[in-house]
C-alpha atoms as a PDB file:
ATOM      1  CA  MET A   1      28.772 -33.136 -13.531  1.00  0.00           C
ATOM      2  CA  LYS A   2      28.452 -29.636 -15.026  1.00  0.00           C
ATOM      3  CA  ARG A   3      31.510 -30.107 -17.249  1.00  0.00           C
ATOM      4  CA  ARG A   4      30.114 -33.323 -18.705  1.00  0.00           C
ATOM      5  CA  CYS A   5      26.779 -31.633 -19.475  1.00  0.00           C
ATOM      6  CA  LEU A   6      28.233 -28.662 -21.373  1.00  0.00           C
ATOM      7  CA  PRO A   7      29.199 -30.628 -24.512  1.00  0.00           C
ATOM      8  CA  LEU A   8      25.809 -32.349 -24.468  1.00  0.00           C
ATOM      9  CA  ILE A   9      23.976 -29.021 -24.138  1.00  0.00           C
ATOM     10  CA  ALA A  10      26.063 -27.500 -26.949  1.00  0.00           C
ATOM     11  CA  LEU A  11      25.301 -30.496 -29.158  1.00  0.00           C
ATOM     12  CA  LEU A  12      21.570 -30.217 -28.428  1.00  0.00           C
ATOM     13  CA  ILE A  13      21.607 -26.489 -29.265  1.00  0.00           C
ATOM     14  CA  LEU A  14      23.418 -27.155 -32.562  1.00  0.00           C
ATOM     15  CA  ALA A  15      20.976 -29.935 -33.435  1.00  0.00           C
ATOM     16  CA  ALA A  16      17.995 -27.686 -32.654  1.00  0.00           C
ATOM     17  CA  ALA A  17      19.467 -24.880 -34.794  1.00  0.00           C
ATOM     18  CA  ALA A  18      20.065 -27.284 -37.689  1.00  0.00           C
ATOM     19  CA  LEU A  19      16.495 -28.574 -37.461  1.00  0.00           C
ATOM     20  CA  LEU A  20      15.148 -25.018 -37.381  1.00  0.00           C
ATOM     21  CA  LEU A  21      17.170 -24.049 -40.467  1.00  0.00           C
ATOM     22  CA  ALA A  22      16.052 -27.169 -42.310  1.00  0.00           C
ATOM     23  CA  ALA A  23      12.428 -26.477 -41.432  1.00  0.00           C
ATOM     24  CA  CYS A  24      12.667 -22.860 -42.661  1.00  0.00           C
ATOM     25  CA  ALA A  25      14.309 -23.662 -46.012  1.00  0.00           C
ATOM     26  CA  PRO A  26      11.028 -24.588 -47.755  1.00  0.00           C
ATOM     27  CA  LEU A  27       9.451 -21.375 -46.441  1.00  0.00           C
ATOM     28  CA  ARG A  28      12.150 -19.303 -48.159  1.00  0.00           C
ATOM     29  CA  GLU A  29      11.360 -21.013 -51.461  1.00  0.00           C
ATOM     30  CA  ASN A  30       7.729 -19.911 -51.176  1.00  0.00           C
ATOM     31  CA  PHE A  31       8.753 -16.256 -50.974  1.00  0.00           C
ATOM     32  CA  LEU A  32      11.036 -16.281 -54.015  1.00  0.00           C
ATOM     33  CA  PRO A  33       9.369 -15.231 -57.264  1.00  0.00           C
ATOM     34  CA  THR A  34       8.923 -17.821 -59.985  1.00  0.00           C
ATOM     35  CA  ALA A  35      10.138 -17.364 -63.558  1.00  0.00           C
ATOM     36  CA  ASP A  36       6.501 -16.857 -64.604  1.00  0.00           C
ATOM     37  CA  GLU A  37       6.085 -14.037 -62.085  1.00  0.00           C
ATOM     38  CA  LEU A  38       9.350 -12.358 -63.048  1.00  0.00           C
ATOM     39  CA  SER A  39       8.858 -12.744 -66.794  1.00  0.00           C
ATOM     40  CA  SER A  40       5.871 -10.419 -66.686  1.00  0.00           C
ATOM     41  CA  GLU A  41       8.128  -7.652 -65.356  1.00  0.00           C
ATOM     42  CA  VAL A  42      11.546  -8.094 -66.986  1.00  0.00           C
ATOM     43  CA  ILE A  43      13.237  -8.268 -70.377  1.00  0.00           C
ATOM     44  CA  ARG A  44      16.447 -10.255 -70.670  1.00  0.00           C
ATOM     45  CA  ILE A  45      19.255  -9.693 -73.163  1.00  0.00           C
ATOM     46  CA  HIS A  46      21.011 -12.626 -74.835  1.00  0.00           C
ATOM     47  CA  ILE A  47      24.034 -12.206 -77.108  1.00  0.00           C
ATOM     48  CA  ARG A  48      25.274 -15.267 -79.013  1.00  0.00           C
ATOM     49  CA  ALA A  49      28.726 -15.180 -80.552  1.00  0.00           C
ATOM     50  CA  ASN A  50      29.370 -16.361 -84.114  1.00  0.00           C
ATOM     51  CA  GLY A  51      31.484 -19.224 -82.780  1.00  0.00           C
ATOM     52  CA  ASN A  52      33.670 -20.268 -79.872  1.00  0.00           C
ATOM     53  CA  GLY A  53      36.991 -19.067 -81.243  1.00  0.00           C
ATOM     54  CA  GLU A  54      38.901 -16.546 -79.169  1.00  0.00           C
ATOM     55  CA  ALA A  55      38.333 -13.733 -81.692  1.00  0.00           C
ATOM     56  CA  ASP A  56      34.573 -14.416 -81.897  1.00  0.00           C
ATOM     57  CA  GLN A  57      34.330 -14.362 -78.116  1.00  0.00           C
ATOM     58  CA  ARG A  58      36.316 -11.117 -77.841  1.00  0.00           C
ATOM     59  CA  VAL A  59      34.164  -9.356 -80.420  1.00  0.00           C
ATOM     60  CA  LYS A  60      31.019 -10.602 -78.663  1.00  0.00           C
ATOM     61  CA  LEU A  61      32.148  -8.678 -75.579  1.00  0.00           C
ATOM     62  CA  ALA A  62      32.916  -5.582 -77.674  1.00  0.00           C
ATOM     63  CA  VAL A  63      29.405  -5.751 -79.155  1.00  0.00           C
ATOM     64  CA  ARG A  64      27.994  -6.267 -75.662  1.00  0.00           C
ATOM     65  CA  ASP A  65      29.769  -3.129 -74.439  1.00  0.00           C
ATOM     66  CA  ALA A  66      28.574  -1.046 -77.399  1.00  0.00           C
ATOM     67  CA  LEU A  67      24.988  -2.272 -77.100  1.00  0.00           C
ATOM     68  CA  THR A  68      24.709  -1.928 -73.333  1.00  0.00           C
ATOM     69  CA  GLU A  69      26.021   1.632 -73.568  1.00  0.00           C
ATOM     70  CA  LYS A  70      23.254   2.490 -76.052  1.00  0.00           C
ATOM     71  CA  LEU A  71      20.614   0.469 -74.205  1.00  0.00           C
ATOM     72  CA  SER A  72      21.296   2.399 -71.016  1.00  0.00           C
ATOM     73  CA  VAL A  73      20.239   5.549 -72.899  1.00  0.00           C
ATOM     74  CA  ILE A  74      17.301   3.949 -74.742  1.00  0.00           C
ATOM     75  CA  LEU A  75      15.826   2.413 -71.594  1.00  0.00           C
ATOM     76  CA  ALA A  76      16.707   5.217 -69.154  1.00  0.00           C
ATOM     77  CA  ASP A  77      13.211   6.689 -68.986  1.00  0.00           C
ATOM     78  CA  CYS A  78      11.267   3.424 -69.184  1.00  0.00           C
ATOM     79  CA  THR A  79       9.360   2.615 -66.025  1.00  0.00           C
ATOM     80  CA  THR A  80       7.339  -0.371 -67.260  1.00  0.00           C
ATOM     81  CA  LYS A  81       8.079  -3.478 -69.273  1.00  0.00           C
ATOM     82  CA  SER A  82       5.708  -2.381 -72.054  1.00  0.00           C
ATOM     83  CA  GLU A  83       7.544   0.968 -72.364  1.00  0.00           C
ATOM     84  CA  ALA A  84      10.846  -0.911 -72.552  1.00  0.00           C
ATOM     85  CA  GLU A  85       9.462  -3.294 -75.211  1.00  0.00           C
ATOM     86  CA  ARG A  86       8.314  -0.352 -77.338  1.00  0.00           C
ATOM     87  CA  ALA A  87      11.680   1.389 -76.924  1.00  0.00           C
ATOM     88  CA  LEU A  88      13.601  -1.762 -77.905  1.00  0.00           C
ATOM     89  CA  SER A  89      11.361  -2.383 -80.892  1.00  0.00           C
ATOM     90  CA  ALA A  90      11.777   1.211 -82.101  1.00  0.00           C
ATOM     91  CA  ALA A  91      15.565   1.048 -81.657  1.00  0.00           C
ATOM     92  CA  LYS A  92      16.108  -2.404 -83.200  1.00  0.00           C
ATOM     93  CA  ASP A  93      17.560  -1.091 -86.492  1.00  0.00           C
ATOM     94  CA  GLU A  94      19.834   1.363 -84.677  1.00  0.00           C
ATOM     95  CA  LEU A  95      21.051  -1.371 -82.315  1.00  0.00           C
ATOM     96  CA  THR A  96      21.713  -3.683 -85.277  1.00  0.00           C
ATOM     97  CA  GLN A  97      23.736  -0.929 -86.963  1.00  0.00           C
ATOM     98  CA  ILE A  98      25.766  -0.356 -83.766  1.00  0.00           C
ATOM     99  CA  ALA A  99      26.530  -4.076 -83.494  1.00  0.00           C
ATOM    100  CA  ASP A 100      27.413  -4.334 -87.210  1.00  0.00           C
ATOM    101  CA  SER A 101      29.694  -1.280 -86.964  1.00  0.00           C
ATOM    102  CA  THR A 102      31.446  -2.820 -83.970  1.00  0.00           C
ATOM    103  CA  LEU A 103      31.935  -6.089 -85.845  1.00  0.00           C
ATOM    104  CA  GLU A 104      33.271  -4.242 -88.899  1.00  0.00           C
ATOM    105  CA  SER A 105      35.647  -2.054 -86.872  1.00  0.00           C
ATOM    106  CA  CYS A 106      37.038  -5.232 -85.294  1.00  0.00           C
ATOM    107  CA  GLY A 107      37.650  -6.764 -88.741  1.00  0.00           C
ATOM    108  CA  PHE A 108      34.672  -9.131 -88.975  1.00  0.00           C
ATOM    109  CA  ASP A 109      32.504  -9.381 -92.085  1.00  0.00           C
ATOM    110  CA  TYR A 110      29.533 -11.242 -90.636  1.00  0.00           C
ATOM    111  CA  LYS A 111      26.373  -9.383 -89.640  1.00  0.00           C
ATOM    112  CA  THR A 112      24.058  -9.064 -86.659  1.00  0.00           C
ATOM    113  CA  ARG A 113      20.457 -10.127 -86.367  1.00  0.00           C
ATOM    114  CA  ILE A 114      18.366  -8.833 -83.451  1.00  0.00           C
ATOM    115  CA  VAL A 115      15.108 -10.542 -82.551  1.00  0.00           C
ATOM    116  CA  LEU A 116      12.647  -9.710 -79.790  1.00  0.00           C
ATOM    117  CA  THR A 117      11.509 -13.144 -78.656  1.00  0.00           C
ATOM    118  CA  ASN A 118      10.767 -15.422 -75.726  1.00  0.00           C
ATOM    119  CA  GLU A 119      13.684 -17.607 -74.662  1.00  0.00           C
ATOM    120  CA  HIS A 120      14.570 -20.154 -72.026  1.00  0.00           C
ATOM    121  CA  PHE A 121      17.245 -19.013 -69.544  1.00  0.00           C
ATOM    122  CA  PRO A 122      19.083 -20.928 -66.816  1.00  0.00           C
ATOM    123  CA  GLU A 123      19.009 -19.742 -63.200  1.00  0.00           C
ATOM    124  CA  LYS A 124      21.254 -16.715 -62.753  1.00  0.00           C
ATOM    125  CA  ASP A 125      22.147 -14.409 -59.874  1.00  0.00           C
ATOM    126  CA  TYR A 126      22.586 -10.696 -60.537  1.00  0.00           C
ATOM    127  CA  GLY A 127      23.853  -8.782 -57.524  1.00  0.00           C
ATOM    128  CA  GLY A 128      21.875 -10.780 -54.999  1.00  0.00           C
ATOM    129  CA  TYR A 129      18.747 -11.131 -57.145  1.00  0.00           C
ATOM    130  CA  THR A 130      18.252 -14.703 -58.330  1.00  0.00           C
ATOM    131  CA  PHE A 131      16.328 -15.135 -61.546  1.00  0.00           C
ATOM    132  CA  PRO A 132      14.993 -18.690 -61.698  1.00  0.00           C
ATOM    133  CA  GLU A 133      15.335 -20.903 -64.730  1.00  0.00           C
ATOM    134  CA  GLY A 134      12.466 -20.346 -67.116  1.00  0.00           C
ATOM    135  CA  ASP A 135      11.114 -18.578 -70.172  1.00  0.00           C
ATOM    136  CA  TYR A 136      11.555 -14.807 -70.426  1.00  0.00           C
ATOM    137  CA  ASP A 137      10.940 -12.146 -73.055  1.00  0.00           C
ATOM    138  CA  ALA A 138      14.328 -11.240 -74.445  1.00  0.00           C
ATOM    139  CA  MET A 139      16.270  -9.249 -76.963  1.00  0.00           C
ATOM    140  CA  LEU A 140      18.278 -11.933 -78.768  1.00  0.00           C
ATOM    141  CA  VAL A 141      21.397 -10.671 -80.549  1.00  0.00           C
ATOM    142  CA  LEU A 142      22.847 -13.178 -83.026  1.00  0.00           C
ATOM    143  CA  LEU A 143      26.341 -12.407 -84.283  1.00  0.00           C
ATOM    144  CA  GLY A 144      26.991 -14.181 -87.581  1.00  0.00           C
ATOM    145  CA  LYS A 145      25.912 -17.820 -87.237  1.00  0.00           C
ATOM    146  CA  GLY A 146      25.123 -17.279 -83.561  1.00  0.00           C
ATOM    147  CA  THR A 147      26.386 -20.723 -82.564  1.00  0.00           C
ATOM    148  CA  GLY A 148      29.052 -19.696 -80.044  1.00  0.00           C
ATOM    149  CA  GLU A 149      29.130 -19.191 -76.303  1.00  0.00           C
ATOM    150  CA  ASN A 150      26.672 -16.596 -75.149  1.00  0.00           C
ATOM    151  CA  TRP A 151      26.298 -13.722 -72.705  1.00  0.00           C
ATOM    152  CA  TRP A 152      23.041 -12.823 -71.028  1.00  0.00           C
ATOM    153  CA  CYS A 153      21.719 -10.420 -68.470  1.00  0.00           C
ATOM    154  CA  VAL A 154      18.640  -8.331 -67.660  1.00  0.00           C
ATOM    155  CA  ALA A 155      17.918  -5.405 -69.988  1.00  0.00           C
ATOM    156  CA  PHE A 156      14.888  -4.143 -68.070  1.00  0.00           C
ATOM    157  CA  PRO A 157      15.040  -3.173 -65.315  1.00  0.00           C
ATOM    158  CA  PRO A 158      18.632  -2.371 -66.292  1.00  0.00           C
ATOM    159  CA  LEU A 159      20.796  -4.620 -64.103  1.00  0.00           C
ATOM    160  CA  CYS A 160      23.725  -4.981 -66.467  1.00  0.00           C
ATOM    161  CA  PHE A 161      24.432  -1.499 -67.704  1.00  0.00           C
ATOM    162  CA  VAL A 162      27.418  -0.466 -65.647  1.00  0.00           C
ATOM    163  CA  PRO A 163      28.972   2.987 -66.129  1.00  0.00           C
ATOM    164  CA  GLY A 164      32.402   3.137 -67.682  1.00  0.00           C
ATOM    165  CA  GLU A 165      35.535   3.972 -65.760  1.00  0.00           C
ATOM    166  CA  GLY A 166      35.433   7.561 -64.546  1.00  0.00           C
ATOM    167  CA  ASP A 167      31.712   7.959 -65.300  1.00  0.00           C
ATOM    168  CA  GLU A 168      29.565   9.357 -62.539  1.00  0.00           C
ATOM    169  CA  VAL A 169      27.247   6.718 -61.141  1.00  0.00           C
ATOM    170  CA  VAL A 170      23.677   7.981 -60.980  1.00  0.00           C
ATOM    171  CA  TYR A 171      21.619   5.783 -58.690  1.00  0.00           C
ATOM    172  CA  ARG A 172      18.131   5.160 -60.079  1.00  0.00           C
ATOM    173  CA  SER A 173      16.188   4.122 -57.008  1.00  0.00           C
ATOM    174  CA  TRP A 174      13.150   2.990 -59.007  1.00  0.00           C
ATOM    175  CA  VAL A 175      15.185   0.026 -60.298  1.00  0.00           C
ATOM    176  CA  LYS A 176      16.059  -1.126 -56.809  1.00  0.00           C
ATOM    177  CA  GLU A 177      12.496  -0.527 -55.657  1.00  0.00           C
ATOM    178  CA  LYS A 178      11.133  -2.490 -58.628  1.00  0.00           C
ATOM    179  CA  LEU A 179      13.512  -5.399 -57.977  1.00  0.00           C
ATOM    180  CA  ASP A 180      12.796  -5.315 -54.272  1.00  0.00           C
ATOM    181  CA  GLU A 181       9.084  -5.385 -55.118  1.00  0.00           C
ATOM    182  CA  LEU A 182       9.562  -8.333 -57.503  1.00  0.00           C
ATOM    183  CA  PHE A 183      11.604 -10.247 -54.938  1.00  0.00           C
ATOM    184  CA  GLY A 184       9.338  -9.340 -52.025  1.00  0.00           C
ATOM    185  CA  ARG A 185      12.006  -7.298 -50.233  1.00  0.00           C
ATOM    186  CA  ARG A 186      11.128  -4.165 -48.294  1.00  0.00           C
END
């Protein structure tokens, strides 16, 4: 009798666990921030390549590397979105020059246009932080025609500025605290 009951008990436990998980799924959604909530705290970065050719895509990544290196310095002391917006606005010409120099050194004759704007982004996960699809303030970097595949990330708080090989990693706890605050983590 006991042996026949064990599979039934196991099945009932699994069914109860599945029902509990299904019931909790909508609750999790209620605790995740919406794009509207996040957009008031973050600035995205969006780099569009000139085209989809292999060379255009390679140079897009070179420009990305050059810009993110400079952005990590420009935004290092910013603790609010408005400070970051002012810093980006003040550095726009310098960032354009860095991107243009990178293009030129890679043999490209087209130019860069940088616009601070509001753009629509798809859902994206950055190191365990999911940014929902929606409209966000962004620094849009158009290389040449700007019709190619793109790269995007979060400029502020700086989620995408990774130190180079051999660089010492300095952990800025305020970024993690800010993200944890935005995502309701403690």
